[in-house]
C-alpha cells in the first residue's frame, strides 16, 4: 500500500556521541536513509505556506493544499 508521508524539517538531527558525527535525515529526501546525505539543502527555500513533492530525481513540484 503506498503512503504519502509529510516531513516538515529542513535539517538533520545529530544522534549519539558528537565525536561520531552521526546525523539522521529528517527531511525524507536522503538516498542514504536513515542517514543524512545533505539533501535537506534543497528544502531551505521552501515556503512554510506551501506543500511540495519531490520525485526520484529530487525535482520539486508544488502541490495544491486541500
C-alpha atoms as a PDB file:
ATOM      1  CA  UNK A   1       0.000   0.000   0.000  1.00  0.00           C
ATOM      2  CA  UNK A   2       1.532   3.360  -0.995  1.00  0.00           C
ATOM      3  CA  UNK A   3       1.755   6.130   1.570  1.00  0.00           C
ATOM      4  CA  UNK A   4       2.316   9.843   1.337  1.00  0.00           C
ATOM      5  CA  UNK A   5       4.431  10.982   4.291  1.00  0.00           C
ATOM      6  CA  UNK A   6       4.768  14.654   5.147  1.00  0.00           C
ATOM      7  CA  UNK A   7       8.091  15.950   6.504  1.00  0.00           C
ATOM      8  CA  UNK A   8       8.457  19.493   7.802  1.00  0.00           C
ATOM      9  CA  UNK A   9      12.061  19.598   8.968  1.00  0.00           C
ATOM     10  CA  UNK A  10      14.748  21.378   6.962  1.00  0.00           C
ATOM     11  CA  UNK A  11      17.748  19.687   8.536  1.00  0.00           C
ATOM     12  CA  UNK A  12      19.101  16.532  10.156  1.00  0.00           C
ATOM     13  CA  UNK A  13      19.299  15.533  13.818  1.00  0.00           C
ATOM     14  CA  UNK A  14      22.602  14.625  15.386  1.00  0.00           C
ATOM     15  CA  UNK A  15      22.477  11.413  17.423  1.00  0.00           C
ATOM     16  CA  UNK A  16      24.890   9.618  19.682  1.00  0.00           C
ATOM     17  CA  UNK A  17      28.280  10.958  20.633  1.00  0.00           C
ATOM     18  CA  UNK A  18      29.084  14.250  18.821  1.00  0.00           C
ATOM     19  CA  UNK A  19      32.552  12.853  18.071  1.00  0.00           C
ATOM     20  CA  UNK A  20      30.888  10.173  15.893  1.00  0.00           C
ATOM     21  CA  UNK A  21      29.382  12.862  13.612  1.00  0.00           C
ATOM     22  CA  UNK A  22      26.220  10.779  13.063  1.00  0.00           C
ATOM     23  CA  UNK A  23      23.220  12.612  11.565  1.00  0.00           C
ATOM     24  CA  UNK A  24      19.733  11.213  10.937  1.00  0.00           C
ATOM     25  CA  UNK A  25      17.675  12.513   7.992  1.00  0.00           C
ATOM     26  CA  UNK A  26      14.527  14.400   8.991  1.00  0.00           C
ATOM     27  CA  UNK A  27      13.616  15.862   5.593  1.00  0.00           C
ATOM     28  CA  UNK A  28      12.885  12.478   3.989  1.00  0.00           C
ATOM     29  CA  UNK A  29      14.948  13.121   0.845  1.00  0.00           C
ATOM     30  CA  UNK A  30      18.235  11.377   1.676  1.00  0.00           C
ATOM     31  CA  UNK A  31      19.137   8.454  -0.568  1.00  0.00           C
ATOM     32  CA  UNK A  32      21.118   7.033   2.378  1.00  0.00           C
ATOM     33  CA  UNK A  33      18.136   6.687   4.758  1.00  0.00           C
ATOM     34  CA  UNK A  34      18.118   6.820   7.700  1.00  0.00           C
ATOM     35  CA  UNK A  35      21.335   8.837   7.485  1.00  0.00           C
ATOM     36  CA  UNK A  36      21.649  12.410   6.191  1.00  0.00           C
ATOM     37  CA  UNK A  37      23.335  12.974   2.826  1.00  0.00           C
ATOM     38  CA  UNK A  38      22.791  16.744   2.625  1.00  0.00           C
ATOM     39  CA  UNK A  39      19.630  16.570   0.502  1.00  0.00           C
ATOM     40  CA  UNK A  40      17.839  18.792   3.034  1.00  0.00           C
ATOM     41  CA  UNK A  41      19.631  21.763   1.477  1.00  0.00           C
ATOM     42  CA  UNK A  42      17.073  21.543  -1.360  1.00  0.00           C
ATOM     43  CA  UNK A  43      14.327  22.454   1.141  1.00  0.00           C
ATOM     44  CA  UNK A  44      15.861  25.626   2.583  1.00  0.00           C
ATOM     45  CA  UNK A  45      13.966  27.988   0.263  1.00  0.00           C
ATOM     46  CA  UNK A  46      10.564  26.322   0.683  1.00  0.00           C
ATOM     47  CA  UNK A  47       7.644  28.477   1.800  1.00  0.00           C
ATOM     48  CA  UNK A  48       6.002  27.438   5.081  1.00  0.00           C
ATOM     49  CA  UNK A  49       2.572  28.069   3.491  1.00  0.00           C
ATOM     50  CA  UNK A  50       3.061  25.676   0.569  1.00  0.00           C
ATOM     51  CA  UNK A  51       3.149  21.904   0.092  1.00  0.00           C
ATOM     52  CA  UNK A  52       5.856  20.292  -2.045  1.00  0.00           C
ATOM     53  CA  UNK A  53       6.512  16.880  -3.540  1.00  0.00           C
ATOM     54  CA  UNK A  54       9.923  15.641  -4.706  1.00  0.00           C
ATOM     55  CA  UNK A  55      10.342  12.981  -7.379  1.00  0.00           C
ATOM     56  CA  UNK A  56      13.054  10.309  -7.542  1.00  0.00           C
ATOM     57  CA  UNK A  57      15.423  12.848  -9.162  1.00  0.00           C
ATOM     58  CA  UNK A  58      14.789  15.320  -6.300  1.00  0.00           C
ATOM     59  CA  UNK A  59      12.876  17.655  -8.613  1.00  0.00           C
ATOM     60  CA  UNK A  60      10.408  19.713  -6.571  1.00  0.00           C
ATOM     61  CA  UNK A  61       6.772  20.274  -7.522  1.00  0.00           C
ATOM     62  CA  UNK A  62       4.318  22.480  -5.631  1.00  0.00           C
ATOM     63  CA  UNK A  63       1.056  20.733  -4.737  1.00  0.00           C
ATOM     64  CA  UNK A  64      -2.337  22.306  -4.091  1.00  0.00           C
ATOM     65  CA  UNK A  65      -3.333  22.361  -0.423  1.00  0.00           C
ATOM     66  CA  UNK A  66      -6.779  20.879   0.101  1.00  0.00           C
END
